[in-house]
Amino acid sequence: MNVEYLPLVIEEATEVIKAATKILRFGPNRRYPSGDHAGETNTEALSMEIGDLVEVIDRLGLPSEIIERGRDKKQAQLKKWGPQRSDSELDASLAELREKS
């Protein structure tokens, strides 16, 4: 394992959390007014940050078979416990969150 990439994994994971939070607060289509993602929608910014995270995760050099086992386990969990709401229910939840902020 290339431990020198761990600080970058932490940093990029934090950026993914920040971008996801912006979608919850402001919606997926609102555009960033400034900064690294100026002009991008919140969805585009999240996509870019996930790409950054995947790249540094790949550079850790972890065993792919163990990563795949983890993915398989998560897929099974999501089938059982994942989001069960329709798009309209999710849109209503997002609208409610925006009203509270």
PDB file of N, CA and C in Angstrom:
ATOM      1  N   MET A   1       0.846  -1.184   0.000  1.00  0.00           N
ATOM      2  CA  MET A   1       0.000   0.000   0.000  1.00  0.00           C
ATOM      3  C   MET A   1       0.885   1.240   0.000  1.00  0.00           C
ATOM      4  N   ASN A   2       0.513   2.191  -0.807  1.00  0.00           N
ATOM      5  CA  ASN A   2       1.244   3.450  -0.913  1.00  0.00           C
ATOM      6  C   ASN A   2       0.664   4.463   0.079  1.00  0.00           C
ATOM      7  N   VAL A   3       1.163   4.403   1.324  1.00  0.00           N
ATOM      8  CA  VAL A   3       0.583   5.210   2.403  1.00  0.00           C
ATOM      9  C   VAL A   3       0.725   6.711   2.166  1.00  0.00           C
ATOM     10  N   GLU A   4       1.631   7.099   1.280  1.00  0.00           N
ATOM     11  CA  GLU A   4       1.800   8.535   1.025  1.00  0.00           C
ATOM     12  C   GLU A   4       0.553   9.151   0.388  1.00  0.00           C
ATOM     13  N   TYR A   5      -0.340   8.303  -0.130  1.00  0.00           N
ATOM     14  CA  TYR A   5      -1.578   8.821  -0.714  1.00  0.00           C
ATOM     15  C   TYR A   5      -2.719   8.929   0.294  1.00  0.00           C
ATOM     16  N   LEU A   6      -2.547   8.404   1.506  1.00  0.00           N
ATOM     17  CA  LEU A   6      -3.616   8.472   2.502  1.00  0.00           C
ATOM     18  C   LEU A   6      -4.066   9.897   2.823  1.00  0.00           C
ATOM     19  N   PRO A   7      -3.145  10.857   2.996  1.00  0.00           N
ATOM     20  CA  PRO A   7      -3.625  12.226   3.239  1.00  0.00           C
ATOM     21  C   PRO A   7      -4.471  12.765   2.085  1.00  0.00           C
ATOM     22  N   LEU A   8      -4.131  12.374   0.847  1.00  0.00           N
ATOM     23  CA  LEU A   8      -4.920  12.819  -0.298  1.00  0.00           C
ATOM     24  C   LEU A   8      -6.288  12.151  -0.336  1.00  0.00           C
ATOM     25  N   VAL A   9      -6.359  10.889   0.083  1.00  0.00           N
ATOM     26  CA  VAL A   9      -7.658  10.208   0.169  1.00  0.00           C
ATOM     27  C   VAL A   9      -8.552  10.937   1.166  1.00  0.00           C
ATOM     28  N   ILE A  10      -7.993  11.285   2.305  1.00  0.00           N
ATOM     29  CA  ILE A  10      -8.758  12.004   3.330  1.00  0.00           C
ATOM     30  C   ILE A  10      -9.226  13.349   2.793  1.00  0.00           C
ATOM     31  N   GLU A  11      -8.333  14.074   2.150  1.00  0.00           N
ATOM     32  CA  GLU A  11      -8.674  15.391   1.599  1.00  0.00           C
ATOM     33  C   GLU A  11      -9.775  15.277   0.541  1.00  0.00           C
ATOM     34  N   GLU A  12      -9.625  14.328  -0.377  1.00  0.00           N
ATOM     35  CA  GLU A  12     -10.616  14.189  -1.441  1.00  0.00           C
ATOM     36  C   GLU A  12     -11.954  13.675  -0.907  1.00  0.00           C
ATOM     37  N   ALA A  13     -11.931  12.796   0.077  1.00  0.00           N
ATOM     38  CA  ALA A  13     -13.181  12.328   0.685  1.00  0.00           C
ATOM     39  C   ALA A  13     -13.928  13.503   1.324  1.00  0.00           C
ATOM     40  N   THR A  14     -13.182  14.398   1.929  1.00  0.00           N
ATOM     41  CA  THR A  14     -13.784  15.594   2.523  1.00  0.00           C
ATOM     42  C   THR A  14     -14.417  16.467   1.446  1.00  0.00           C
ATOM     43  N   GLU A  15     -13.761  16.584   0.304  1.00  0.00           N
ATOM     44  CA  GLU A  15     -14.312  17.377  -0.801  1.00  0.00           C
ATOM     45  C   GLU A  15     -15.593  16.751  -1.350  1.00  0.00           C
ATOM     46  N   VAL A  16     -15.658  15.422  -1.393  1.00  0.00           N
ATOM     47  CA  VAL A  16     -16.879  14.738  -1.833  1.00  0.00           C
ATOM     48  C   VAL A  16     -18.012  15.043  -0.849  1.00  0.00           C
ATOM     49  N   ILE A  17     -17.721  14.982   0.436  1.00  0.00           N
ATOM     50  CA  ILE A  17     -18.732  15.293   1.455  1.00  0.00           C
ATOM     51  C   ILE A  17     -19.223  16.728   1.282  1.00  0.00           C
ATOM     52  N   LYS A  18     -18.313  17.641   1.076  1.00  0.00           N
ATOM     53  CA  LYS A  18     -18.678  19.053   0.900  1.00  0.00           C
ATOM     54  C   LYS A  18     -19.576  19.236  -0.331  1.00  0.00           C
ATOM     55  N   ALA A  19     -19.209  18.607  -1.444  1.00  0.00           N
ATOM     56  CA  ALA A  19     -19.997  18.744  -2.671  1.00  0.00           C
ATOM     57  C   ALA A  19     -21.381  18.111  -2.505  1.00  0.00           C
ATOM     58  N   ALA A  20     -21.458  16.965  -1.846  1.00  0.00           N
ATOM     59  CA  ALA A  20     -22.751  16.308  -1.614  1.00  0.00           C
ATOM     60  C   ALA A  20     -23.639  17.168  -0.717  1.00  0.00           C
ATOM     61  N   THR A  21     -23.032  17.786   0.271  1.00  0.00           N
ATOM     62  CA  THR A  21     -23.782  18.655   1.184  1.00  0.00           C
ATOM     63  C   THR A  21     -24.353  19.858   0.439  1.00  0.00           C
ATOM     64  N   LYS A  22     -23.603  20.394  -0.513  1.00  0.00           N
ATOM     65  CA  LYS A  22     -24.111  21.530  -1.300  1.00  0.00           C
ATOM     66  C   LYS A  22     -25.348  21.130  -2.100  1.00  0.00           C
ATOM     67  N   ILE A  23     -25.390  19.909  -2.594  1.00  0.00           N
ATOM     68  CA  ILE A  23     -26.583  19.454  -3.309  1.00  0.00           C
ATOM     69  C   ILE A  23     -27.770  19.404  -2.362  1.00  0.00           C
ATOM     70  N   LEU A  24     -27.552  18.892  -1.157  1.00  0.00           N
ATOM     71  CA  LEU A  24     -28.646  18.838  -0.192  1.00  0.00           C
ATOM     72  C   LEU A  24     -29.113  20.229   0.217  1.00  0.00           C
ATOM     73  N   ARG A  25     -28.185  21.156   0.348  1.00  0.00           N
ATOM     74  CA  ARG A  25     -28.558  22.510   0.795  1.00  0.00           C
ATOM     75  C   ARG A  25     -29.142  23.364  -0.318  1.00  0.00           C
ATOM     76  N   PHE A  26     -28.554  23.275  -1.526  1.00  0.00           N
ATOM     77  CA  PHE A  26     -28.903  24.225  -2.583  1.00  0.00           C
ATOM     78  C   PHE A  26     -29.504  23.589  -3.828  1.00  0.00           C
ATOM     79  N   GLY A  27     -29.521  22.262  -3.889  1.00  0.00           N
ATOM     80  CA  GLY A  27     -30.076  21.570  -5.053  1.00  0.00           C
ATOM     81  C   GLY A  27     -28.996  21.167  -6.043  1.00  0.00           C
ATOM     82  N   PRO A  28     -29.313  20.212  -6.907  1.00  0.00           N
ATOM     83  CA  PRO A  28     -28.311  19.661  -7.817  1.00  0.00           C
ATOM     84  C   PRO A  28     -27.917  20.573  -8.976  1.00  0.00           C
ATOM     85  N   ASN A  29     -28.772  21.527  -9.322  1.00  0.00           N
ATOM     86  CA  ASN A  29     -28.516  22.327 -10.521  1.00  0.00           C
ATOM     87  C   ASN A  29     -27.990  23.730 -10.254  1.00  0.00           C
ATOM     88  N   ARG A  30     -27.866  24.104  -9.001  1.00  0.00           N
ATOM     89  CA  ARG A  30     -27.324  25.427  -8.687  1.00  0.00           C
ATOM     90  C   ARG A  30     -25.858  25.478  -9.076  1.00  0.00           C
ATOM     91  N   ARG A  31     -25.432  26.604  -9.587  1.00  0.00           N
ATOM     92  CA  ARG A  31     -24.056  26.751 -10.070  1.00  0.00           C
ATOM     93  C   ARG A  31     -23.175  27.411  -9.013  1.00  0.00           C
ATOM     94  N   TYR A  32     -21.945  26.950  -8.989  1.00  0.00           N
ATOM     95  CA  TYR A  32     -20.944  27.550  -8.096  1.00  0.00           C
ATOM     96  C   TYR A  32     -20.631  28.954  -8.608  1.00  0.00           C
ATOM     97  N   PRO A  33     -20.670  29.961  -7.745  1.00  0.00           N
ATOM     98  CA  PRO A  33     -20.377  31.319  -8.191  1.00  0.00           C
ATOM     99  C   PRO A  33     -18.878  31.594  -8.348  1.00  0.00           C
ATOM    100  N   SER A  34     -18.039  30.853  -7.604  1.00  0.00           N
ATOM    101  CA  SER A  34     -16.592  31.129  -7.648  1.00  0.00           C
ATOM    102  C   SER A  34     -15.834  29.889  -7.192  1.00  0.00           C
ATOM    103  N   GLY A  35     -14.533  29.980  -7.179  1.00  0.00           N
ATOM    104  CA  GLY A  35     -13.697  28.884  -6.691  1.00  0.00           C
ATOM    105  C   GLY A  35     -13.343  27.888  -7.773  1.00  0.00           C
ATOM    106  N   ASP A  36     -12.853  26.732  -7.331  1.00  0.00           N
ATOM    107  CA  ASP A  36     -12.405  25.694  -8.262  1.00  0.00           C
ATOM    108  C   ASP A  36     -13.501  25.213  -9.194  1.00  0.00           C
ATOM    109  N   HIS A  37     -14.752  25.295  -8.756  1.00  0.00           N
ATOM    110  CA  HIS A  37     -15.864  24.782  -9.556  1.00  0.00           C
ATOM    111  C   HIS A  37     -16.736  25.899 -10.124  1.00  0.00           C
ATOM    112  N   ALA A  38     -16.192  27.098 -10.272  1.00  0.00           N
ATOM    113  CA  ALA A  38     -16.963  28.239 -10.759  1.00  0.00           C
ATOM    114  C   ALA A  38     -17.657  27.887 -12.074  1.00  0.00           C
ATOM    115  N   GLY A  39     -18.971  28.137 -12.119  1.00  0.00           N
ATOM    116  CA  GLY A  39     -19.761  27.888 -13.313  1.00  0.00           C
ATOM    117  C   GLY A  39     -20.309  26.475 -13.424  1.00  0.00           C
ATOM    118  N   GLU A  40     -19.801  25.549 -12.626  1.00  0.00           N
ATOM    119  CA  GLU A  40     -20.300  24.175 -12.664  1.00  0.00           C
ATOM    120  C   GLU A  40     -21.539  24.052 -11.774  1.00  0.00           C
ATOM    121  N   THR A  41     -22.404  23.109 -12.126  1.00  0.00           N
ATOM    122  CA  THR A  41     -23.526  22.817 -11.234  1.00  0.00           C
ATOM    123  C   THR A  41     -22.998  22.017 -10.048  1.00  0.00           C
ATOM    124  N   ASN A  42     -23.801  21.952  -9.007  1.00  0.00           N
ATOM    125  CA  ASN A  42     -23.412  21.144  -7.850  1.00  0.00           C
ATOM    126  C   ASN A  42     -23.224  19.680  -8.233  1.00  0.00           C
ATOM    127  N   THR A  43     -24.044  19.186  -9.160  1.00  0.00           N
ATOM    128  CA  THR A  43     -23.893  17.804  -9.622  1.00  0.00           C
ATOM    129  C   THR A  43     -22.574  17.613 -10.362  1.00  0.00           C
ATOM    130  N   GLU A  44     -22.214  18.564 -11.197  1.00  0.00           N
ATOM    131  CA  GLU A  44     -20.934  18.475 -11.909  1.00  0.00           C
ATOM    132  C   GLU A  44     -19.764  18.519 -10.932  1.00  0.00           C
ATOM    133  N   ALA A  45     -19.859  19.392  -9.937  1.00  0.00           N
ATOM    134  CA  ALA A  45     -18.793  19.496  -8.937  1.00  0.00           C
ATOM    135  C   ALA A  45     -18.652  18.187  -8.161  1.00  0.00           C
ATOM    136  N   LEU A  46     -19.775  17.577  -7.770  1.00  0.00           N
ATOM    137  CA  LEU A  46     -19.721  16.297  -7.072  1.00  0.00           C
ATOM    138  C   LEU A  46     -19.081  15.231  -7.950  1.00  0.00           C
ATOM    139  N   SER A  47     -19.443  15.206  -9.211  1.00  0.00           N
ATOM    140  CA  SER A  47     -18.866  14.235 -10.143  1.00  0.00           C
ATOM    141  C   SER A  47     -17.357  14.405 -10.261  1.00  0.00           C
ATOM    142  N   MET A  48     -16.898  15.636 -10.358  1.00  0.00           N
ATOM    143  CA  MET A  48     -15.458  15.897 -10.445  1.00  0.00           C
ATOM    144  C   MET A  48     -14.747  15.465  -9.171  1.00  0.00           C
ATOM    145  N   GLU A  49     -15.335  15.770  -8.033  1.00  0.00           N
ATOM    146  CA  GLU A  49     -14.714  15.394  -6.758  1.00  0.00           C
ATOM    147  C   GLU A  49     -14.669  13.879  -6.582  1.00  0.00           C
ATOM    148  N   ILE A  50     -15.710  13.184  -7.031  1.00  0.00           N
ATOM    149  CA  ILE A  50     -15.684  11.721  -6.967  1.00  0.00           C
ATOM    150  C   ILE A  50     -14.577  11.193  -7.871  1.00  0.00           C
ATOM    151  N   GLY A  51     -14.402  11.794  -9.033  1.00  0.00           N
ATOM    152  CA  GLY A  51     -13.304  11.398  -9.911  1.00  0.00           C
ATOM    153  C   GLY A  51     -11.954  11.582  -9.254  1.00  0.00           C
ATOM    154  N   ASP A  52     -11.770  12.701  -8.569  1.00  0.00           N
ATOM    155  CA  ASP A  52     -10.517  12.942  -7.841  1.00  0.00           C
ATOM    156  C   ASP A  52     -10.298  11.875  -6.775  1.00  0.00           C
ATOM    157  N   LEU A  53     -11.360  11.553  -6.041  1.00  0.00           N
ATOM    158  CA  LEU A  53     -11.257  10.548  -4.976  1.00  0.00           C
ATOM    159  C   LEU A  53     -10.911   9.171  -5.543  1.00  0.00           C
ATOM    160  N   VAL A  54     -11.576   8.778  -6.606  1.00  0.00           N
ATOM    161  CA  VAL A  54     -11.300   7.471  -7.215  1.00  0.00           C
ATOM    162  C   VAL A  54      -9.846   7.393  -7.668  1.00  0.00           C
ATOM    163  N   GLU A  55      -9.342   8.473  -8.226  1.00  0.00           N
ATOM    164  CA  GLU A  55      -7.945   8.472  -8.687  1.00  0.00           C
ATOM    165  C   GLU A  55      -6.967   8.249  -7.541  1.00  0.00           C
ATOM    166  N   VAL A  56      -7.137   8.947  -6.433  1.00  0.00           N
ATOM    167  CA  VAL A  56      -6.192   8.763  -5.327  1.00  0.00           C
ATOM    168  C   VAL A  56      -6.392   7.415  -4.643  1.00  0.00           C
ATOM    169  N   ILE A  57      -7.627   6.907  -4.634  1.00  0.00           N
ATOM    170  CA  ILE A  57      -7.855   5.564  -4.094  1.00  0.00           C
ATOM    171  C   ILE A  57      -7.108   4.537  -4.946  1.00  0.00           C
ATOM    172  N   ASP A  58      -7.200   4.684  -6.257  1.00  0.00           N
ATOM    173  CA  ASP A  58      -6.477   3.767  -7.151  1.00  0.00           C
ATOM    174  C   ASP A  58      -4.978   3.791  -6.882  1.00  0.00           C
ATOM    175  N   ARG A  59      -4.450   4.960  -6.574  1.00  0.00           N
ATOM    176  CA  ARG A  59      -3.006   5.098  -6.344  1.00  0.00           C
ATOM    177  C   ARG A  59      -2.544   4.502  -5.015  1.00  0.00           C
ATOM    178  N   LEU A  60      -3.492   4.184  -4.128  1.00  0.00           N
ATOM    179  CA  LEU A  60      -3.113   3.522  -2.876  1.00  0.00           C
ATOM    180  C   LEU A  60      -2.535   2.133  -3.132  1.00  0.00           C
ATOM    181  N   GLY A  61      -2.956   1.509  -4.225  1.00  0.00           N
ATOM    182  CA  GLY A  61      -2.448   0.185  -4.549  1.00  0.00           C
ATOM    183  C   GLY A  61      -3.030  -0.920  -3.690  1.00  0.00           C
ATOM    184  N   LEU A  62      -4.282  -0.762  -3.289  1.00  0.00           N
ATOM    185  CA  LEU A  62      -4.941  -1.790  -2.481  1.00  0.00           C
ATOM    186  C   LEU A  62      -5.335  -2.975  -3.361  1.00  0.00           C
ATOM    187  N   PRO A  63      -5.442  -4.168  -2.777  1.00  0.00           N
ATOM    188  CA  PRO A  63      -5.800  -5.360  -3.554  1.00  0.00           C
ATOM    189  C   PRO A  63      -7.208  -5.242  -4.151  1.00  0.00           C
ATOM    190  N   SER A  64      -7.312  -5.342  -5.461  1.00  0.00           N
ATOM    191  CA  SER A  64      -8.592  -5.157  -6.141  1.00  0.00           C
ATOM    192  C   SER A  64      -9.619  -6.217  -5.750  1.00  0.00           C
ATOM    193  N   GLU A  65      -9.157  -7.427  -5.442  1.00  0.00           N
ATOM    194  CA  GLU A  65     -10.128  -8.469  -5.071  1.00  0.00           C
ATOM    195  C   GLU A  65     -10.806  -8.152  -3.736  1.00  0.00           C
ATOM    196  N   ILE A  66     -10.090  -7.516  -2.829  1.00  0.00           N
ATOM    197  CA  ILE A  66     -10.707  -7.132  -1.551  1.00  0.00           C
ATOM    198  C   ILE A  66     -11.658  -5.954  -1.765  1.00  0.00           C
ATOM    199  N   ILE A  67     -11.261  -5.019  -2.611  1.00  0.00           N
ATOM    200  CA  ILE A  67     -12.147  -3.889  -2.936  1.00  0.00           C
ATOM    201  C   ILE A  67     -13.436  -4.424  -3.552  1.00  0.00           C
ATOM    202  N   GLU A  68     -13.337  -5.384  -4.450  1.00  0.00           N
ATOM    203  CA  GLU A  68     -14.532  -5.964  -5.082  1.00  0.00           C
ATOM    204  C   GLU A  68     -15.419  -6.682  -4.061  1.00  0.00           C
ATOM    205  N   ARG A  69     -14.804  -7.356  -3.098  1.00  0.00           N
ATOM    206  CA  ARG A  69     -15.597  -7.991  -2.033  1.00  0.00           C
ATOM    207  C   ARG A  69     -16.375  -6.935  -1.251  1.00  0.00           C
ATOM    208  N   GLY A  70     -15.708  -5.820  -0.969  1.00  0.00           N
ATOM    209  CA  GLY A  70     -16.380  -4.727  -0.270  1.00  0.00           C
ATOM    210  C   GLY A  70     -17.528  -4.158  -1.080  1.00  0.00           C
ATOM    211  N   ARG A  71     -17.316  -4.005  -2.384  1.00  0.00           N
ATOM    212  CA  ARG A  71     -18.387  -3.501  -3.252  1.00  0.00           C
ATOM    213  C   ARG A  71     -19.561  -4.472  -3.295  1.00  0.00           C
ATOM    214  N   ASP A  72     -19.257  -5.767  -3.417  1.00  0.00           N
ATOM    215  CA  ASP A  72     -20.328  -6.772  -3.443  1.00  0.00           C
ATOM    216  C   ASP A  72     -21.142  -6.726  -2.150  1.00  0.00           C
ATOM    217  N   LYS A  73     -20.455  -6.611  -1.027  1.00  0.00           N
ATOM    218  CA  LYS A  73     -21.139  -6.542   0.269  1.00  0.00           C
ATOM    219  C   LYS A  73     -22.042  -5.303   0.327  1.00  0.00           C
ATOM    220  N   LYS A  74     -21.528  -4.160  -0.120  1.00  0.00           N
ATOM    221  CA  LYS A  74     -22.313  -2.922  -0.103  1.00  0.00           C
ATOM    222  C   LYS A  74     -23.512  -3.024  -1.038  1.00  0.00           C
ATOM    223  N   GLN A  75     -23.337  -3.656  -2.201  1.00  0.00           N
ATOM    224  CA  GLN A  75     -24.466  -3.820  -3.122  1.00  0.00           C
ATOM    225  C   GLN A  75     -25.583  -4.628  -2.473  1.00  0.00           C
ATOM    226  N   ALA A  76     -25.226  -5.686  -1.766  1.00  0.00           N
ATOM    227  CA  ALA A  76     -26.230  -6.496  -1.069  1.00  0.00           C
ATOM    228  C   ALA A  76     -26.931  -5.678   0.010  1.00  0.00           C
ATOM    229  N   GLN A  77     -26.149  -4.869   0.739  1.00  0.00           N
ATOM    230  CA  GLN A  77     -26.743  -4.030   1.782  1.00  0.00           C
ATOM    231  C   GLN A  77     -27.695  -3.007   1.180  1.00  0.00           C
ATOM    232  N   LEU A  78     -27.311  -2.428   0.056  1.00  0.00           N
ATOM    233  CA  LEU A  78     -28.161  -1.419  -0.570  1.00  0.00           C
ATOM    234  C   LEU A  78     -29.453  -2.015  -1.108  1.00  0.00           C
ATOM    235  N   LYS A  79     -29.387  -3.253  -1.591  1.00  0.00           N
ATOM    236  CA  LYS A  79     -30.619  -3.907  -2.044  1.00  0.00           C
ATOM    237  C   LYS A  79     -31.597  -4.049  -0.889  1.00  0.00           C
ATOM    238  N   LYS A  80     -31.056  -4.315   0.287  1.00  0.00           N
ATOM    239  CA  LYS A  80     -31.905  -4.518   1.454  1.00  0.00           C
ATOM    240  C   LYS A  80     -32.255  -3.192   2.141  1.00  0.00           C
ATOM    241  N   TRP A  81     -31.280  -2.303   2.301  1.00  0.00           N
ATOM    242  CA  TRP A  81     -31.462  -1.125   3.142  1.00  0.00           C
ATOM    243  C   TRP A  81     -31.327   0.200   2.407  1.00  0.00           C
ATOM    244  N   GLY A  82     -31.057   0.187   1.105  1.00  0.00           N
ATOM    245  CA  GLY A  82     -30.817   1.419   0.354  1.00  0.00           C
ATOM    246  C   GLY A  82     -32.053   2.280   0.239  1.00  0.00           C
ATOM    247  N   PRO A  83     -31.905   3.445  -0.381  1.00  0.00           N
ATOM    248  CA  PRO A  83     -33.041   4.353  -0.551  1.00  0.00           C
ATOM    249  C   PRO A  83     -34.211   3.661  -1.239  1.00  0.00           C
ATOM    250  N   GLN A  84     -35.372   3.809  -0.673  1.00  0.00           N
ATOM    251  CA  GLN A  84     -36.573   3.177  -1.206  1.00  0.00           C
ATOM    252  C   GLN A  84     -37.585   4.216  -1.674  1.00  0.00           C
ATOM    253  N   ARG A  85     -37.167   5.469  -1.708  1.00  0.00           N
ATOM    254  CA  ARG A  85     -38.107   6.531  -2.043  1.00  0.00           C
ATOM    255  C   ARG A  85     -38.092   6.825  -3.536  1.00  0.00           C
ATOM    256  N   SER A  86     -39.204   7.334  -4.041  1.00  0.00           N
ATOM    257  CA  SER A  86     -39.294   7.726  -5.443  1.00  0.00           C
ATOM    258  C   SER A  86     -38.595   9.064  -5.640  1.00  0.00           C
ATOM    259  N   ASP A  87     -38.354   9.425  -6.897  1.00  0.00           N
ATOM    260  CA  ASP A  87     -37.727  10.705  -7.206  1.00  0.00           C
ATOM    261  C   ASP A  87     -38.551  11.869  -6.662  1.00  0.00           C
ATOM    262  N   SER A  88     -39.868  11.783  -6.757  1.00  0.00           N
ATOM    263  CA  SER A  88     -40.701  12.891  -6.270  1.00  0.00           C
ATOM    264  C   SER A  88     -40.601  13.021  -4.753  1.00  0.00           C
ATOM    265  N   GLU A  89     -40.484  11.902  -4.047  1.00  0.00           N
ATOM    266  CA  GLU A  89     -40.307  11.962  -2.590  1.00  0.00           C
ATOM    267  C   GLU A  89     -38.954  12.564  -2.237  1.00  0.00           C
ATOM    268  N   LEU A  90     -37.924  12.203  -3.007  1.00  0.00           N
ATOM    269  CA  LEU A  90     -36.600  12.785  -2.761  1.00  0.00           C
ATOM    270  C   LEU A  90     -36.607  14.275  -3.051  1.00  0.00           C
ATOM    271  N   ASP A  91     -37.269  14.694  -4.137  1.00  0.00           N
ATOM    272  CA  ASP A  91     -37.362  16.120  -4.453  1.00  0.00           C
ATOM    273  C   ASP A  91     -38.064  16.885  -3.336  1.00  0.00           C
ATOM    274  N   ALA A  92     -39.120  16.307  -2.786  1.00  0.00           N
ATOM    275  CA  ALA A  92     -39.840  16.958  -1.686  1.00  0.00           C
ATOM    276  C   ALA A  92     -38.952  17.070  -0.455  1.00  0.00           C
ATOM    277  N   SER A  93     -38.166  16.030  -0.183  1.00  0.00           N
ATOM    278  CA  SER A  93     -37.247  16.070   0.963  1.00  0.00           C
ATOM    279  C   SER A  93     -36.196  17.152   0.773  1.00  0.00           C
ATOM    280  N   LEU A  94     -35.663  17.258  -0.427  1.00  0.00           N
ATOM    281  CA  LEU A  94     -34.669  18.304  -0.702  1.00  0.00           C
ATOM    282  C   LEU A  94     -35.282  19.690  -0.542  1.00  0.00           C
ATOM    283  N   ALA A  95     -36.492  19.877  -1.038  1.00  0.00           N
ATOM    284  CA  ALA A  95     -37.166  21.179  -0.907  1.00  0.00           C
ATOM    285  C   ALA A  95     -37.361  21.533   0.562  1.00  0.00           C
ATOM    286  N   GLU A  96     -37.721  20.558   1.359  1.00  0.00           N
ATOM    287  CA  GLU A  96     -37.920  20.786   2.798  1.00  0.00           C
ATOM    288  C   GLU A  96     -36.600  21.175   3.462  1.00  0.00           C
ATOM    289  N   LEU A  97     -35.521  20.499   3.095  1.00  0.00           N
ATOM    290  CA  LEU A  97     -34.211  20.851   3.657  1.00  0.00           C
ATOM    291  C   LEU A  97     -33.815  22.268   3.284  1.00  0.00           C
ATOM    292  N   ARG A  98     -34.077  22.655   2.035  1.00  0.00           N
ATOM    293  CA  ARG A  98     -33.723  24.017   1.596  1.00  0.00           C
ATOM    294  C   ARG A  98     -34.528  25.068   2.353  1.00  0.00           C
ATOM    295  N   GLU A  99     -35.798  24.793   2.623  1.00  0.00           N
ATOM    296  CA  GLU A  99     -36.637  25.734   3.365  1.00  0.00           C
ATOM    297  C   GLU A  99     -36.142  25.942   4.782  1.00  0.00           C
ATOM    298  N   LYS A 100     -35.587  24.913   5.384  1.00  0.00           N
ATOM    299  CA  LYS A 100     -35.106  24.998   6.769  1.00  0.00           C
ATOM    300  C   LYS A 100     -33.785  25.754   6.888  1.00  0.00           C
ATOM    301  N   SER A 101     -33.034  25.836   5.792  1.00  0.00           N
ATOM    302  CA  SER A 101     -31.713  26.487   5.886  1.00  0.00           C
ATOM    303  C   SER A 101     -31.760  27.958   5.578  1.00  0.00           C
TER     304      SER A 101
END
